[in-house]
Amino acid sequence: MALPLEADMTILAINRIKVNAGSTPVQVTAIGRGEFQFISPLNLPNKPHLWLDFKSRIPRYPLWLQGKIIWHAKIGENCYEYGVQV
């Protein structure tokens, strides 16, 4: 699998309350056991109550991940990196 991988990110729930939000493209930069990382121009809060959904496609296979942000860092002007626990 070639990284970075483009994915569509959607906010699923805030404080366990489902929300109906659109999606935004992000770049998945690493996928590991129980965690993955992505880059986005959005400055999202590092809060455990924010539940996210990520959808992408690896040739011939859909990829679907859900999780919460466990760390984040500003890596440039309007560019943030996040770690997500799945």
PDB file of N, CA and C in Angstrom:
ATOM      1  N   MET A   1       0.847  -1.168   0.000  1.00  0.00           N
ATOM      2  CA  MET A   1       0.000   0.000   0.000  1.00  0.00           C
ATOM      3  C   MET A   1       0.895   1.234   0.000  1.00  0.00           C
ATOM      4  N   ALA A   2       0.610   2.125  -0.909  1.00  0.00           N
ATOM      5  CA  ALA A   2       1.391   3.354  -1.014  1.00  0.00           C
ATOM      6  C   ALA A   2       0.813   4.425  -0.089  1.00  0.00           C
ATOM      7  N   LEU A   3       1.671   5.035   0.696  1.00  0.00           N
ATOM      8  CA  LEU A   3       1.262   6.126   1.578  1.00  0.00           C
ATOM      9  C   LEU A   3       1.955   7.397   1.119  1.00  0.00           C
ATOM     10  N   PRO A   4       1.392   8.582   1.229  1.00  0.00           N
ATOM     11  CA  PRO A   4       0.100   8.822   1.871  1.00  0.00           C
ATOM     12  C   PRO A   4      -1.063   8.343   0.993  1.00  0.00           C
ATOM     13  N   LEU A   5      -2.133   8.026   1.670  1.00  0.00           N
ATOM     14  CA  LEU A   5      -3.353   7.525   1.062  1.00  0.00           C
ATOM     15  C   LEU A   5      -4.456   8.538   1.312  1.00  0.00           C
ATOM     16  N   GLU A   6      -5.137   8.991   0.271  1.00  0.00           N
ATOM     17  CA  GLU A   6      -6.222   9.949   0.470  1.00  0.00           C
ATOM     18  C   GLU A   6      -7.442   9.230   1.026  1.00  0.00           C
ATOM     19  N   ALA A   7      -8.070   9.853   2.014  1.00  0.00           N
ATOM     20  CA  ALA A   7      -9.280   9.307   2.638  1.00  0.00           C
ATOM     21  C   ALA A   7     -10.274  10.439   2.867  1.00  0.00           C
ATOM     22  N   ASP A   8     -11.530  10.087   3.002  1.00  0.00           N
ATOM     23  CA  ASP A   8     -12.570  11.046   3.361  1.00  0.00           C
ATOM     24  C   ASP A   8     -12.861  10.913   4.847  1.00  0.00           C
ATOM     25  N   MET A   9     -12.736  12.020   5.581  1.00  0.00           N
ATOM     26  CA  MET A   9     -12.979  12.022   7.021  1.00  0.00           C
ATOM     27  C   MET A   9     -14.315  12.696   7.312  1.00  0.00           C
ATOM     28  N   THR A  10     -15.085  12.082   8.202  1.00  0.00           N
ATOM     29  CA  THR A  10     -16.370  12.621   8.644  1.00  0.00           C
ATOM     30  C   THR A  10     -16.422  12.573  10.166  1.00  0.00           C
ATOM     31  N   ILE A  11     -16.959  13.614  10.795  1.00  0.00           N
ATOM     32  CA  ILE A  11     -17.211  13.579  12.235  1.00  0.00           C
ATOM     33  C   ILE A  11     -18.505  12.795  12.446  1.00  0.00           C
ATOM     34  N   LEU A  12     -18.425  11.690  13.186  1.00  0.00           N
ATOM     35  CA  LEU A  12     -19.592  10.843  13.441  1.00  0.00           C
ATOM     36  C   LEU A  12     -20.384  11.284  14.656  1.00  0.00           C
ATOM     37  N   ALA A  13     -19.672  11.621  15.736  1.00  0.00           N
ATOM     38  CA  ALA A  13     -20.351  11.956  16.987  1.00  0.00           C
ATOM     39  C   ALA A  13     -19.478  12.871  17.841  1.00  0.00           C
ATOM     40  N   ILE A  14     -20.160  13.715  18.601  1.00  0.00           N
ATOM     41  CA  ILE A  14     -19.515  14.569  19.590  1.00  0.00           C
ATOM     42  C   ILE A  14     -20.249  14.331  20.905  1.00  0.00           C
ATOM     43  N   ASN A  15     -19.497  13.959  21.942  1.00  0.00           N
ATOM     44  CA  ASN A  15     -20.105  13.623  23.242  1.00  0.00           C
ATOM     45  C   ASN A  15     -21.194  12.562  23.095  1.00  0.00           C
ATOM     46  N   ARG A  16     -20.930  11.554  22.248  1.00  0.00           N
ATOM     47  CA  ARG A  16     -21.841  10.424  21.996  1.00  0.00           C
ATOM     48  C   ARG A  16     -23.145  10.819  21.302  1.00  0.00           C
ATOM     49  N   ILE A  17     -23.221  12.042  20.823  1.00  0.00           N
ATOM     50  CA  ILE A  17     -24.399  12.499  20.080  1.00  0.00           C
ATOM     51  C   ILE A  17     -24.025  12.494  18.598  1.00  0.00           C
ATOM     52  N   LYS A  18     -24.758  11.705  17.796  1.00  0.00           N
ATOM     53  CA  LYS A  18     -24.484  11.617  16.374  1.00  0.00           C
ATOM     54  C   LYS A  18     -24.710  12.966  15.701  1.00  0.00           C
ATOM     55  N   VAL A  19     -23.835  13.280  14.756  1.00  0.00           N
ATOM     56  CA  VAL A  19     -23.965  14.507  13.988  1.00  0.00           C
ATOM     57  C   VAL A  19     -24.049  14.158  12.511  1.00  0.00           C
ATOM     58  N   ASN A  20     -24.674  15.010  11.757  1.00  0.00           N
ATOM     59  CA  ASN A  20     -24.790  14.827  10.319  1.00  0.00           C
ATOM     60  C   ASN A  20     -23.878  15.855   9.657  1.00  0.00           C
ATOM     61  N   ALA A  21     -22.655  15.461   9.390  1.00  0.00           N
ATOM     62  CA  ALA A  21     -21.663  16.382   8.838  1.00  0.00           C
ATOM     63  C   ALA A  21     -21.164  15.844   7.505  1.00  0.00           C
ATOM     64  N   GLY A  22     -20.701  16.731   6.672  1.00  0.00           N
ATOM     65  CA  GLY A  22     -20.094  16.328   5.411  1.00  0.00           C
ATOM     66  C   GLY A  22     -18.700  15.774   5.652  1.00  0.00           C
ATOM     67  N   SER A  23     -18.047  15.380   4.590  1.00  0.00           N
ATOM     68  CA  SER A  23     -16.698  14.831   4.718  1.00  0.00           C
ATOM     69  C   SER A  23     -15.686  15.794   4.117  1.00  0.00           C
ATOM     70  N   THR A  24     -14.436  15.595   4.511  1.00  0.00           N
ATOM     71  CA  THR A  24     -13.332  16.391   3.986  1.00  0.00           C
ATOM     72  C   THR A  24     -12.169  15.452   3.677  1.00  0.00           C
ATOM     73  N   PRO A  25     -11.411  15.708   2.616  1.00  0.00           N
ATOM     74  CA  PRO A  25     -10.284  14.838   2.314  1.00  0.00           C
ATOM     75  C   PRO A  25      -9.117  15.063   3.275  1.00  0.00           C
ATOM     76  N   VAL A  26      -8.456  13.967   3.640  1.00  0.00           N
ATOM     77  CA  VAL A  26      -7.254  14.001   4.471  1.00  0.00           C
ATOM     78  C   VAL A  26      -6.242  13.032   3.862  1.00  0.00           C
ATOM     79  N   GLN A  27      -4.996  13.140   4.304  1.00  0.00           N
ATOM     80  CA  GLN A  27      -3.934  12.247   3.836  1.00  0.00           C
ATOM     81  C   GLN A  27      -3.517  11.323   4.970  1.00  0.00           C
ATOM     82  N   VAL A  28      -3.767  10.022   4.827  1.00  0.00           N
ATOM     83  CA  VAL A  28      -3.329   9.026   5.811  1.00  0.00           C
ATOM     84  C   VAL A  28      -1.849   8.757   5.543  1.00  0.00           C
ATOM     85  N   THR A  29      -1.021   8.960   6.571  1.00  0.00           N
ATOM     86  CA  THR A  29       0.429   8.844   6.403  1.00  0.00           C
ATOM     87  C   THR A  29       1.027   7.587   7.019  1.00  0.00           C
ATOM     88  N   ALA A  30       0.298   6.949   7.947  1.00  0.00           N
ATOM     89  CA  ALA A  30       0.799   5.730   8.589  1.00  0.00           C
ATOM     90  C   ALA A  30      -0.372   4.943   9.144  1.00  0.00           C
ATOM     91  N   ILE A  31      -0.286   3.635   9.021  1.00  0.00           N
ATOM     92  CA  ILE A  31      -1.298   2.744   9.594  1.00  0.00           C
ATOM     93  C   ILE A  31      -0.547   1.672  10.373  1.00  0.00           C
ATOM     94  N   GLY A  32      -0.907   1.523  11.646  1.00  0.00           N
ATOM     95  CA  GLY A  32      -0.261   0.528  12.489  1.00  0.00           C
ATOM     96  C   GLY A  32      -1.281  -0.202  13.333  1.00  0.00           C
ATOM     97  N   ARG A  33      -0.802  -0.986  14.237  1.00  0.00           N
ATOM     98  CA  ARG A  33      -1.672  -1.772  15.104  1.00  0.00           C
ATOM     99  C   ARG A  33      -2.395  -0.857  16.086  1.00  0.00           C
ATOM    100  N   GLY A  34      -3.707  -0.678  15.884  1.00  0.00           N
ATOM    101  CA  GLY A  34      -4.519   0.090  16.802  1.00  0.00           C
ATOM    102  C   GLY A  34      -4.437   1.593  16.662  1.00  0.00           C
ATOM    103  N   GLU A  35      -3.653   2.085  15.704  1.00  0.00           N
ATOM    104  CA  GLU A  35      -3.489   3.527  15.541  1.00  0.00           C
ATOM    105  C   GLU A  35      -3.144   3.829  14.086  1.00  0.00           C
ATOM    106  N   PHE A  36      -3.532   5.011  13.632  1.00  0.00           N
ATOM    107  CA  PHE A  36      -3.050   5.499  12.348  1.00  0.00           C
ATOM    108  C   PHE A  36      -2.871   7.000  12.439  1.00  0.00           C
ATOM    109  N   GLN A  37      -2.198   7.563  11.448  1.00  0.00           N
ATOM    110  CA  GLN A  37      -1.898   8.995  11.436  1.00  0.00           C
ATOM    111  C   GLN A  37      -2.408   9.606  10.152  1.00  0.00           C
ATOM    112  N   PHE A  38      -2.830  10.877  10.253  1.00  0.00           N
ATOM    113  CA  PHE A  38      -3.265  11.583   9.058  1.00  0.00           C
ATOM    114  C   PHE A  38      -2.893  13.052   9.146  1.00  0.00           C
ATOM    115  N   ILE A  39      -2.891  13.712   7.982  1.00  0.00           N
ATOM    116  CA  ILE A  39      -2.596  15.142   7.865  1.00  0.00           C
ATOM    117  C   ILE A  39      -3.823  15.838   7.306  1.00  0.00           C
ATOM    118  N   SER A  40      -4.126  17.019   7.874  1.00  0.00           N
ATOM    119  CA  SER A  40      -5.287  17.785   7.444  1.00  0.00           C
ATOM    120  C   SER A  40      -5.024  19.273   7.629  1.00  0.00           C
ATOM    121  N   PRO A  41      -5.689  20.116   6.820  1.00  0.00           N
ATOM    122  CA  PRO A  41      -5.594  21.559   7.054  1.00  0.00           C
ATOM    123  C   PRO A  41      -6.505  22.017   8.191  1.00  0.00           C
ATOM    124  N   LEU A  42      -7.373  21.130   8.687  1.00  0.00           N
ATOM    125  CA  LEU A  42      -8.299  21.472   9.764  1.00  0.00           C
ATOM    126  C   LEU A  42      -7.610  21.366  11.118  1.00  0.00           C
ATOM    127  N   ASN A  43      -7.876  22.329  11.998  1.00  0.00           N
ATOM    128  CA  ASN A  43      -7.362  22.305  13.362  1.00  0.00           C
ATOM    129  C   ASN A  43      -8.436  21.706  14.259  1.00  0.00           C
ATOM    130  N   LEU A  44      -8.406  20.385  14.390  1.00  0.00           N
ATOM    131  CA  LEU A  44      -9.402  19.661  15.182  1.00  0.00           C
ATOM    132  C   LEU A  44      -8.964  19.584  16.642  1.00  0.00           C
ATOM    133  N   PRO A  45      -9.921  19.580  17.569  1.00  0.00           N
ATOM    134  CA  PRO A  45      -9.549  19.467  18.983  1.00  0.00           C
ATOM    135  C   PRO A  45      -9.080  18.057  19.324  1.00  0.00           C
ATOM    136  N   ASN A  46      -8.136  17.971  20.225  1.00  0.00           N
ATOM    137  CA  ASN A  46      -7.641  16.682  20.721  1.00  0.00           C
ATOM    138  C   ASN A  46      -8.506  16.291  21.912  1.00  0.00           C
ATOM    139  N   LYS A  47      -9.713  15.851  21.643  1.00  0.00           N
ATOM    140  CA  LYS A  47     -10.683  15.526  22.684  1.00  0.00           C
ATOM    141  C   LYS A  47     -11.207  14.114  22.476  1.00  0.00           C
ATOM    142  N   PRO A  48     -11.308  13.318  23.535  1.00  0.00           N
ATOM    143  CA  PRO A  48     -11.780  11.937  23.378  1.00  0.00           C
ATOM    144  C   PRO A  48     -13.259  11.840  23.021  1.00  0.00           C
ATOM    145  N   HIS A  49     -13.987  12.935  23.126  1.00  0.00           N
ATOM    146  CA  HIS A  49     -15.418  12.884  22.830  1.00  0.00           C
ATOM    147  C   HIS A  49     -15.723  13.076  21.344  1.00  0.00           C
ATOM    148  N   LEU A  50     -14.702  13.292  20.515  1.00  0.00           N
ATOM    149  CA  LEU A  50     -14.867  13.502  19.080  1.00  0.00           C
ATOM    150  C   LEU A  50     -14.585  12.182  18.368  1.00  0.00           C
ATOM    151  N   TRP A  51     -15.603  11.565  17.770  1.00  0.00           N
ATOM    152  CA  TRP A  51     -15.479  10.266  17.103  1.00  0.00           C
ATOM    153  C   TRP A  51     -15.485  10.490  15.595  1.00  0.00           C
ATOM    154  N   LEU A  52     -14.468   9.956  14.911  1.00  0.00           N
ATOM    155  CA  LEU A  52     -14.270  10.210  13.488  1.00  0.00           C
ATOM    156  C   LEU A  52     -14.390   8.940  12.651  1.00  0.00           C
ATOM    157  N   ASP A  53     -14.756   9.121  11.384  1.00  0.00           N
ATOM    158  CA  ASP A  53     -14.899   8.033  10.426  1.00  0.00           C
ATOM    159  C   ASP A  53     -14.020   8.349   9.214  1.00  0.00           C
ATOM    160  N   PHE A  54     -13.271   7.360   8.736  1.00  0.00           N
ATOM    161  CA  PHE A  54     -12.392   7.524   7.583  1.00  0.00           C
ATOM    162  C   PHE A  54     -12.701   6.438   6.565  1.00  0.00           C
ATOM    163  N   LYS A  55     -12.889   6.849   5.320  1.00  0.00           N
ATOM    164  CA  LYS A  55     -13.154   5.896   4.245  1.00  0.00           C
ATOM    165  C   LYS A  55     -12.199   6.157   3.092  1.00  0.00           C
ATOM    166  N   SER A  56     -11.666   5.053   2.560  1.00  0.00           N
ATOM    167  CA  SER A  56     -10.755   5.145   1.428  1.00  0.00           C
ATOM    168  C   SER A  56     -10.854   3.845   0.637  1.00  0.00           C
ATOM    169  N   ARG A  57      -9.964   3.703  -0.307  1.00  0.00           N
ATOM    170  CA  ARG A  57      -9.955   2.500  -1.121  1.00  0.00           C
ATOM    171  C   ARG A  57      -8.512   2.148  -1.448  1.00  0.00           C
ATOM    172  N   ILE A  58      -8.159   0.914  -1.126  1.00  0.00           N
ATOM    173  CA  ILE A  58      -6.896   0.333  -1.558  1.00  0.00           C
ATOM    174  C   ILE A  58      -7.288  -0.463  -2.802  1.00  0.00           C
ATOM    175  N   PRO A  59      -6.503  -0.468  -3.856  1.00  0.00           N
ATOM    176  CA  PRO A  59      -6.954  -1.129  -5.081  1.00  0.00           C
ATOM    177  C   PRO A  59      -7.741  -2.416  -4.807  1.00  0.00           C
ATOM    178  N   ARG A  60      -8.983  -2.389  -5.245  1.00  0.00           N
ATOM    179  CA  ARG A  60      -9.953  -3.493  -5.163  1.00  0.00           C
ATOM    180  C   ARG A  60     -10.549  -3.701  -3.771  1.00  0.00           C
ATOM    181  N   TYR A  61     -10.089  -2.998  -2.742  1.00  0.00           N
ATOM    182  CA  TYR A  61     -10.594  -3.219  -1.387  1.00  0.00           C
ATOM    183  C   TYR A  61     -10.975  -1.905  -0.716  1.00  0.00           C
ATOM    184  N   PRO A  62     -12.176  -1.838  -0.137  1.00  0.00           N
ATOM    185  CA  PRO A  62     -12.528  -0.637   0.630  1.00  0.00           C
ATOM    186  C   PRO A  62     -11.779  -0.634   1.965  1.00  0.00           C
ATOM    187  N   LEU A  63     -11.466   0.545   2.450  1.00  0.00           N
ATOM    188  CA  LEU A  63     -10.809   0.709   3.748  1.00  0.00           C
ATOM    189  C   LEU A  63     -11.696   1.619   4.587  1.00  0.00           C
ATOM    190  N   TRP A  64     -12.078   1.152   5.765  1.00  0.00           N
ATOM    191  CA  TRP A  64     -12.970   1.923   6.631  1.00  0.00           C
ATOM    192  C   TRP A  64     -12.413   1.855   8.042  1.00  0.00           C
ATOM    193  N   LEU A  65     -12.139   3.022   8.628  1.00  0.00           N
ATOM    194  CA  LEU A  65     -11.592   3.111   9.980  1.00  0.00           C
ATOM    195  C   LEU A  65     -12.409   4.116  10.780  1.00  0.00           C
ATOM    196  N   GLN A  66     -12.579   3.835  12.063  1.00  0.00           N
ATOM    197  CA  GLN A  66     -13.215   4.779  12.977  1.00  0.00           C
ATOM    198  C   GLN A  66     -12.343   4.897  14.213  1.00  0.00           C
ATOM    199  N   GLY A  67     -12.323   6.094  14.805  1.00  0.00           N
ATOM    200  CA  GLY A  67     -11.523   6.256  16.007  1.00  0.00           C
ATOM    201  C   GLY A  67     -11.587   7.666  16.543  1.00  0.00           C
ATOM    202  N   LYS A  68     -10.743   7.896  17.545  1.00  0.00           N
ATOM    203  CA  LYS A  68     -10.692   9.201  18.198  1.00  0.00           C
ATOM    204  C   LYS A  68      -9.252   9.710  18.197  1.00  0.00           C
ATOM    205  N   ILE A  69      -9.105  11.026  18.153  1.00  0.00           N
ATOM    206  CA  ILE A  69      -7.790  11.652  18.149  1.00  0.00           C
ATOM    207  C   ILE A  69      -7.140  11.477  19.519  1.00  0.00           C
ATOM    208  N   ILE A  70      -5.892  10.999  19.530  1.00  0.00           N
ATOM    209  CA  ILE A  70      -5.168  10.843  20.796  1.00  0.00           C
ATOM    210  C   ILE A  70      -3.972  11.789  20.888  1.00  0.00           C
ATOM    211  N   TRP A  71      -3.542  12.349  19.764  1.00  0.00           N
ATOM    212  CA  TRP A  71      -2.507  13.378  19.772  1.00  0.00           C
ATOM    213  C   TRP A  71      -2.596  14.175  18.485  1.00  0.00           C
ATOM    214  N   HIS A  72      -2.038  15.387  18.523  1.00  0.00           N
ATOM    215  CA  HIS A  72      -1.956  16.195  17.304  1.00  0.00           C
ATOM    216  C   HIS A  72      -0.787  17.162  17.419  1.00  0.00           C
ATOM    217  N   ALA A  73      -0.320  17.623  16.255  1.00  0.00           N
ATOM    218  CA  ALA A  73       0.800  18.564  16.208  1.00  0.00           C
ATOM    219  C   ALA A  73       0.652  19.448  14.983  1.00  0.00           C
ATOM    220  N   LYS A  74       0.992  20.715  15.134  1.00  0.00           N
ATOM    221  CA  LYS A  74       1.018  21.626  13.997  1.00  0.00           C
ATOM    222  C   LYS A  74       2.339  21.399  13.276  1.00  0.00           C
ATOM    223  N   ILE A  75       2.269  21.096  11.980  1.00  0.00           N
ATOM    224  CA  ILE A  75       3.497  20.798  11.240  1.00  0.00           C
ATOM    225  C   ILE A  75       3.782  21.828  10.149  1.00  0.00           C
ATOM    226  N   GLY A  76       2.925  22.835  10.041  1.00  0.00           N
ATOM    227  CA  GLY A  76       3.124  23.887   9.048  1.00  0.00           C
ATOM    228  C   GLY A  76       1.967  24.862   9.097  1.00  0.00           C
ATOM    229  N   GLU A  77       2.021  25.855   8.226  1.00  0.00           N
ATOM    230  CA  GLU A  77       0.938  26.828   8.140  1.00  0.00           C
ATOM    231  C   GLU A  77      -0.323  26.122   7.645  1.00  0.00           C
ATOM    232  N   ASN A  78      -1.376  26.123   8.472  1.00  0.00           N
ATOM    233  CA  ASN A  78      -2.635  25.442   8.148  1.00  0.00           C
ATOM    234  C   ASN A  78      -2.423  23.973   7.806  1.00  0.00           C
ATOM    235  N   CYS A  79      -1.544  23.300   8.542  1.00  0.00           N
ATOM    236  CA  CYS A  79      -1.261  21.886   8.319  1.00  0.00           C
ATOM    237  C   CYS A  79      -1.034  21.211   9.674  1.00  0.00           C
ATOM    238  N   TYR A  80      -1.849  20.203   9.958  1.00  0.00           N
ATOM    239  CA  TYR A  80      -1.825  19.530  11.252  1.00  0.00           C
ATOM    240  C   TYR A  80      -1.718  18.025  11.043  1.00  0.00           C
ATOM    241  N   GLU A  81      -0.969  17.376  11.938  1.00  0.00           N
ATOM    242  CA  GLU A  81      -0.845  15.927  11.909  1.00  0.00           C
ATOM    243  C   GLU A  81      -1.542  15.372  13.145  1.00  0.00           C
ATOM    244  N   TYR A  82      -2.233  14.243  12.975  1.00  0.00           N
ATOM    245  CA  TYR A  82      -3.025  13.654  14.047  1.00  0.00           C
ATOM    246  C   TYR A  82      -2.721  12.171  14.184  1.00  0.00           C
ATOM    247  N   GLY A  83      -2.806  11.678  15.413  1.00  0.00           N
ATOM    248  CA  GLY A  83      -2.774  10.261  15.688  1.00  0.00           C
ATOM    249  C   GLY A  83      -4.165   9.848  16.149  1.00  0.00           C
ATOM    250  N   VAL A  84      -4.676   8.769  15.567  1.00  0.00           N
ATOM    251  CA  VAL A  84      -6.023   8.301  15.870  1.00  0.00           C
ATOM    252  C   VAL A  84      -5.967   6.879  16.409  1.00  0.00           C
ATOM    253  N   GLN A  85      -6.629   6.665  17.536  1.00  0.00           N
ATOM    254  CA  GLN A  85      -6.754   5.330  18.114  1.00  0.00           C
ATOM    255  C   GLN A  85      -8.019   4.702  17.560  1.00  0.00           C
ATOM    256  N   VAL A  86      -7.873   3.490  17.021  1.00  0.00           N
ATOM    257  CA  VAL A  86      -9.038   2.799  16.456  1.00  0.00           C
ATOM    258  C   VAL A  86      -9.559   1.743  17.407  1.00  0.00           C
TER     259      VAL A  86
END
